[in-house]
Amino acid sequence: MKIEIFDNKEELGAAAGRYVAELLRGIISEKGFANIILATGTSQFDTIDQLIKENDIDWSVVTMFHLDEYIGLPISHPASFRKYLQERFLAQVPALKEAHLINGENEANIEVARVSQLITNCPVDIALVGVGENGHLAFNDPPADFETEEPYLIVDLDDACRHQQMGEGWFQAFDEVPKQAISMSIRQIMKSDHIICSVPDARKATAVKNSLENEVSNIFPASILQQHNNCTFFLDKHSADLLSEKSRSIGQD
């Protein structure tokens, strides 16, 4: 694991986006194609903004998978993650080889089976993820399932997660936030060759500390990233505020 800390979320996102682009170019040069996972939410704004600005990426050989999506939320809703990825990423880059978005309006069990089969046949090179205020990874709220090998799951969203979604402005009222989602599983995320975890803002400081300084536990779902061989946390000074000096130096030369 490596930790990079920046002055603000804009610098964080620019550095993370450049790093992802560098990895993509190398993977495509070596293999001729690449498979990536994209996360959504406010934590990914600046990372994705930088990634779409990067030159010399052959997007025509890239396959994208979607990390998570609310169940029952129409694509027209401002909080739809399909809408987010279509507008903020897919519409901003040349056509990808394939883009596998989760359709939360389909019957959930059928959609889980569909996207699970797709990703099973495509080993993932790079996963972009974030950490929730409650420490969740994707929509795997605590206590997260660390054992299932299923690629995607139907998950219940806890109140802390739902309050975060409202607090970020995606919903006008708590009762509007869906209670369930389709989420990539913890083990599926961990199968990615590279994981880039972008986590800005002071409201994430406790979750960052719990993820990096506690023992690995499903009570702190993102703590599992401590066990990944190629995971880089991109933090700003606010999200890193509670970290010890020892943690701040992880992975530094």
Protein backbone atom coordinates (compact mmCIF):
# COMPACT_ATOMS: atom_id res chain seq x y z
CA MET A 1 0.00 0.00 0.00
CA LYS A 2 1.01 3.58 -0.63
CA ILE A 3 -0.43 6.84 0.70
CA GLU A 4 -0.22 10.16 -1.15
CA ILE A 5 -1.39 13.36 0.58
CA PHE A 6 -2.16 16.64 -1.20
CA ASP A 7 -3.17 20.13 -0.14
CA ASN A 8 -6.67 19.99 -1.57
CA LYS A 9 -9.12 17.75 -3.42
CA GLU A 10 -8.28 19.30 -6.79
CA GLU A 11 -4.60 18.38 -6.48
CA LEU A 12 -5.59 14.96 -5.17
CA GLY A 13 -7.84 14.31 -8.16
CA ALA A 14 -5.32 15.58 -10.68
CA ALA A 15 -2.62 13.29 -9.29
CA ALA A 16 -4.92 10.27 -9.10
CA GLY A 17 -6.18 10.83 -12.64
CA ARG A 18 -2.66 11.13 -14.00
CA TYR A 19 -1.62 7.97 -12.18
CA VAL A 20 -4.56 6.00 -13.57
CA ALA A 21 -3.75 7.26 -17.08
CA GLU A 22 -0.11 6.21 -16.69
CA LEU A 23 -1.16 2.74 -15.58
CA LEU A 24 -3.65 2.44 -18.44
CA ARG A 25 -1.09 3.38 -21.06
CA GLY A 26 1.33 0.78 -19.72
CA ILE A 27 -1.27 -1.98 -19.50
CA ILE A 28 -2.56 -1.29 -23.01
CA SER A 29 0.99 -1.21 -24.36
CA GLU A 30 1.70 -4.58 -22.75
CA LYS A 31 -1.57 -6.44 -23.30
CA GLY A 32 -3.36 -4.54 -26.03
CA PHE A 33 -6.42 -3.91 -23.87
CA ALA A 34 -7.45 -2.99 -20.33
CA ASN A 35 -10.38 -3.60 -17.99
CA ILE A 36 -11.27 -0.96 -15.41
CA ILE A 37 -13.80 -0.35 -12.64
CA LEU A 38 -15.14 3.16 -12.10
CA ALA A 39 -16.69 4.47 -8.90
CA THR A 40 -18.99 7.47 -8.64
CA GLY A 41 -19.93 10.06 -6.00
CA THR A 42 -18.37 13.39 -5.13
CA SER A 43 -15.04 11.80 -4.18
CA GLN A 44 -14.44 10.87 -7.80
CA PHE A 45 -15.23 14.22 -9.45
CA ASP A 46 -11.67 15.50 -9.76
CA THR A 47 -10.09 12.13 -10.47
CA ILE A 48 -12.44 11.47 -13.39
CA ASP A 49 -12.12 15.06 -14.61
CA GLN A 50 -8.35 14.60 -14.88
CA LEU A 51 -8.61 11.16 -16.45
CA ILE A 52 -10.75 12.40 -19.34
CA LYS A 53 -8.20 15.15 -20.03
CA GLU A 54 -5.35 12.69 -20.46
CA ASN A 55 -3.97 12.14 -23.95
CA ASP A 56 -2.72 9.01 -25.69
CA ILE A 57 -5.17 6.57 -24.08
CA ASP A 58 -6.71 4.20 -26.61
CA TRP A 59 -10.18 4.00 -25.10
CA SER A 60 -11.33 1.72 -27.92
CA VAL A 61 -9.60 -1.21 -26.21
CA VAL A 62 -10.86 -0.42 -22.68
CA THR A 63 -13.76 -2.23 -21.01
CA MET A 64 -15.40 -0.45 -18.06
CA PHE A 65 -17.33 -1.96 -15.19
CA HIS A 66 -19.63 -0.10 -12.84
CA LEU A 67 -19.03 -0.38 -9.08
CA ASP A 68 -22.54 0.03 -7.66
CA GLU A 69 -26.04 1.36 -8.28
CA TYR A 70 -29.23 1.99 -6.36
CA ILE A 71 -32.08 -0.45 -6.83
CA GLY A 72 -35.22 1.08 -8.34
CA LEU A 73 -33.80 4.52 -9.07
CA PRO A 74 -34.60 5.76 -12.59
CA ILE A 75 -31.73 6.88 -14.79
CA SER A 76 -33.36 10.32 -14.98
CA HIS A 77 -32.80 10.89 -11.24
CA PRO A 78 -29.84 13.18 -10.37
CA ALA A 79 -28.46 10.49 -8.03
CA SER A 80 -28.38 7.75 -10.67
CA PHE A 81 -24.86 6.41 -10.97
CA ARG A 82 -25.59 5.29 -14.54
CA LYS A 83 -26.44 8.90 -15.34
CA TYR A 84 -23.27 10.06 -13.55
CA LEU A 85 -21.00 7.75 -15.57
CA GLN A 86 -22.72 8.43 -18.86
CA GLU A 87 -22.50 12.20 -18.46
CA ARG A 88 -19.22 12.62 -16.60
CA PHE A 89 -17.17 9.91 -18.27
CA LEU A 90 -18.62 8.03 -21.24
CA ALA A 91 -19.81 11.16 -23.04
CA GLN A 92 -16.40 12.80 -22.51
CA VAL A 93 -14.06 10.17 -23.98
CA PRO A 94 -13.97 8.30 -27.30
CA ALA A 95 -16.11 5.17 -27.44
CA LEU A 96 -14.91 2.35 -25.21
CA LYS A 97 -14.69 -1.26 -26.30
CA GLU A 98 -17.49 -1.98 -23.82
CA ALA A 99 -19.15 -0.21 -20.90
CA HIS A 100 -21.10 -2.41 -18.51
CA LEU A 101 -23.42 -0.21 -16.46
CA ILE A 102 -25.63 -1.62 -13.70
CA ASN A 103 -29.31 -1.09 -14.43
CA GLY A 104 -30.99 -0.74 -11.05
CA GLU A 105 -34.37 -0.55 -12.72
CA ASN A 106 -34.15 -4.18 -13.86
CA GLU A 107 -35.24 -7.02 -11.59
CA ALA A 108 -32.38 -6.98 -9.11
CA ASN A 109 -31.52 -10.70 -8.99
CA ILE A 110 -31.46 -10.92 -12.78
CA GLU A 111 -29.25 -7.82 -13.04
CA VAL A 112 -26.85 -9.17 -10.40
CA ALA A 113 -26.50 -12.40 -12.37
CA ARG A 114 -25.95 -10.49 -15.62
CA VAL A 115 -23.17 -8.20 -14.45
CA SER A 116 -21.58 -10.97 -12.35
CA GLN A 117 -21.23 -13.16 -15.44
CA LEU A 118 -19.72 -10.30 -17.43
CA ILE A 119 -17.00 -9.44 -14.92
CA THR A 120 -16.18 -13.09 -14.21
CA ASN A 121 -14.86 -13.35 -17.75
CA CYS A 122 -12.82 -10.10 -17.55
CA PRO A 123 -10.01 -9.91 -15.00
CA VAL A 124 -9.76 -6.29 -13.83
CA ASP A 125 -6.57 -4.29 -14.26
CA ILE A 126 -7.51 -1.09 -12.41
CA ALA A 127 -10.26 -0.26 -9.92
CA LEU A 128 -11.10 3.30 -8.92
CA VAL A 129 -12.82 3.36 -5.53
CA GLY A 130 -13.59 5.65 -2.63
CA VAL A 131 -14.36 5.25 1.07
CA GLY A 132 -17.70 6.20 2.59
CA GLU A 133 -18.14 8.20 5.77
CA ASN A 134 -19.09 4.92 7.47
CA GLY A 135 -16.01 3.21 6.02
CA HIS A 136 -17.88 1.37 3.29
CA LEU A 137 -16.16 0.14 0.15
CA ALA A 138 -18.53 0.36 -2.80
CA PHE A 139 -21.93 -0.05 -1.11
CA ASN A 140 -20.64 -2.72 1.26
CA ASP A 141 -21.70 -1.08 4.52
CA PRO A 142 -20.46 -2.43 7.86
CA PRO A 143 -20.48 -5.24 8.75
CA ALA A 144 -19.41 -6.03 5.19
CA ASP A 145 -19.34 -9.52 3.74
CA PHE A 146 -15.65 -10.37 3.40
CA GLU A 147 -16.29 -14.02 2.50
CA THR A 148 -18.61 -14.19 -0.50
CA GLU A 149 -17.08 -14.93 -3.87
CA GLU A 150 -20.12 -13.58 -5.70
CA PRO A 151 -18.97 -10.69 -7.93
CA TYR A 152 -22.06 -8.53 -7.30
CA LEU A 153 -24.56 -8.51 -4.43
CA ILE A 154 -27.85 -7.01 -3.38
CA VAL A 155 -27.01 -5.01 -0.24
CA ASP A 156 -28.97 -3.10 2.39
CA LEU A 157 -27.83 0.50 2.91
CA ASP A 158 -27.43 1.56 6.52
CA ASP A 159 -28.67 4.89 7.83
CA ALA A 160 -25.18 6.42 7.93
CA CYS A 161 -24.70 5.66 4.24
CA ARG A 162 -28.11 7.02 3.33
CA HIS A 163 -27.53 10.20 5.35
CA GLN A 164 -24.24 10.71 3.48
CA GLN A 165 -26.01 10.50 0.12
CA MET A 166 -28.53 13.11 1.25
CA GLY A 167 -25.81 15.29 2.77
CA GLU A 168 -23.91 15.33 -0.52
CA GLY A 169 -26.98 16.78 -2.21
CA TRP A 170 -28.06 13.80 -4.29
CA PHE A 171 -31.44 13.63 -2.55
CA GLN A 172 -33.70 16.27 -1.01
CA ALA A 173 -34.86 14.14 1.93
CA PHE A 174 -33.64 11.08 3.81
CA ASP A 175 -36.75 9.07 2.94
CA GLU A 176 -35.98 9.52 -0.76
CA VAL A 177 -32.69 7.61 -0.48
CA PRO A 178 -33.13 3.99 -1.61
CA LYS A 179 -32.69 1.32 1.04
CA GLN A 180 -31.00 -1.20 -1.25
CA ALA A 181 -28.37 -1.25 -3.97
CA ILE A 182 -26.46 -3.59 -6.25
CA SER A 183 -22.81 -3.50 -5.23
CA MET A 184 -19.61 -5.12 -6.35
CA SER A 185 -18.45 -7.43 -3.58
CA ILE A 186 -15.36 -6.90 -1.45
CA ARG A 187 -13.58 -9.95 -2.85
CA GLN A 188 -14.30 -8.91 -6.42
CA ILE A 189 -12.82 -5.45 -5.81
CA MET A 190 -9.75 -7.04 -4.22
CA LYS A 191 -9.14 -9.16 -7.35
CA SER A 192 -8.19 -5.99 -9.26
CA ASP A 193 -4.49 -5.76 -10.11
CA HIS A 194 -4.34 -2.08 -9.10
CA ILE A 195 -6.65 -0.16 -6.76
CA ILE A 196 -6.71 3.64 -6.68
CA CYS A 197 -8.65 4.97 -3.70
CA SER A 198 -9.49 8.69 -3.87
CA VAL A 199 -10.76 10.12 -0.57
CA PRO A 200 -11.02 13.90 -0.15
CA ASP A 201 -12.68 16.05 2.55
CA ALA A 202 -12.60 16.35 6.33
CA ARG A 203 -15.86 14.41 6.73
CA LYS A 204 -13.95 11.30 5.62
CA ALA A 205 -11.08 11.73 8.12
CA THR A 206 -12.42 9.27 10.70
CA ALA A 207 -13.17 6.68 8.02
CA VAL A 208 -9.67 7.08 6.57
CA LYS A 209 -8.08 6.62 9.99
CA ASN A 210 -10.22 3.57 10.71
CA SER A 211 -9.40 2.09 7.31
CA LEU A 212 -5.65 2.55 7.61
CA GLU A 213 -4.88 2.29 11.32
CA ASN A 214 -7.31 -0.34 12.64
CA GLU A 215 -6.84 -4.05 12.21
CA VAL A 216 -8.60 -5.38 9.12
CA SER A 217 -12.24 -5.85 10.06
CA ASN A 218 -15.59 -5.97 8.31
CA ILE A 219 -16.70 -3.28 10.76
CA PHE A 220 -14.33 -1.01 8.80
CA PRO A 221 -14.89 -2.42 5.29
CA ALA A 222 -12.23 -0.35 3.51
CA SER A 223 -9.61 -1.66 5.95
CA ILE A 224 -9.41 -4.72 3.69
CA LEU A 225 -7.38 -2.56 1.29
CA GLN A 226 -4.45 -2.94 3.70
CA GLN A 227 -4.12 -6.46 2.31
CA HIS A 228 -3.87 -5.44 -1.34
CA ASN A 229 -0.42 -5.45 -2.92
CA ASN A 230 -0.99 -2.53 -5.31
CA CYS A 231 -3.33 -0.09 -3.58
CA THR A 232 -2.67 3.65 -3.46
CA PHE A 233 -4.69 6.01 -1.28
CA PHE A 234 -4.94 9.57 -2.62
CA LEU A 235 -5.89 11.87 0.26
CA ASP A 236 -6.02 15.60 0.87
CA LYS A 237 -4.78 17.23 4.06
CA HIS A 238 -8.32 17.27 5.44
CA SER A 239 -9.11 13.57 4.96
CA ALA A 240 -5.61 12.72 6.26
CA ASP A 241 -5.89 15.01 9.29
CA LEU A 242 -6.30 12.22 11.88
CA LEU A 243 -3.54 9.96 10.56
CA SER A 244 -0.40 9.32 12.56
CA GLU A 245 2.98 10.28 11.15
CA LYS A 246 3.71 6.59 10.72
CA SER A 247 0.65 6.16 8.53
CA ARG A 248 1.47 9.26 6.51
CA SER A 249 4.81 7.72 5.54
CA ILE A 250 3.40 4.41 4.29
CA GLY A 251 4.86 3.59 0.90
CA GLN A 252 7.01 6.71 0.76
CA ASP A 253 10.58 6.39 -0.48
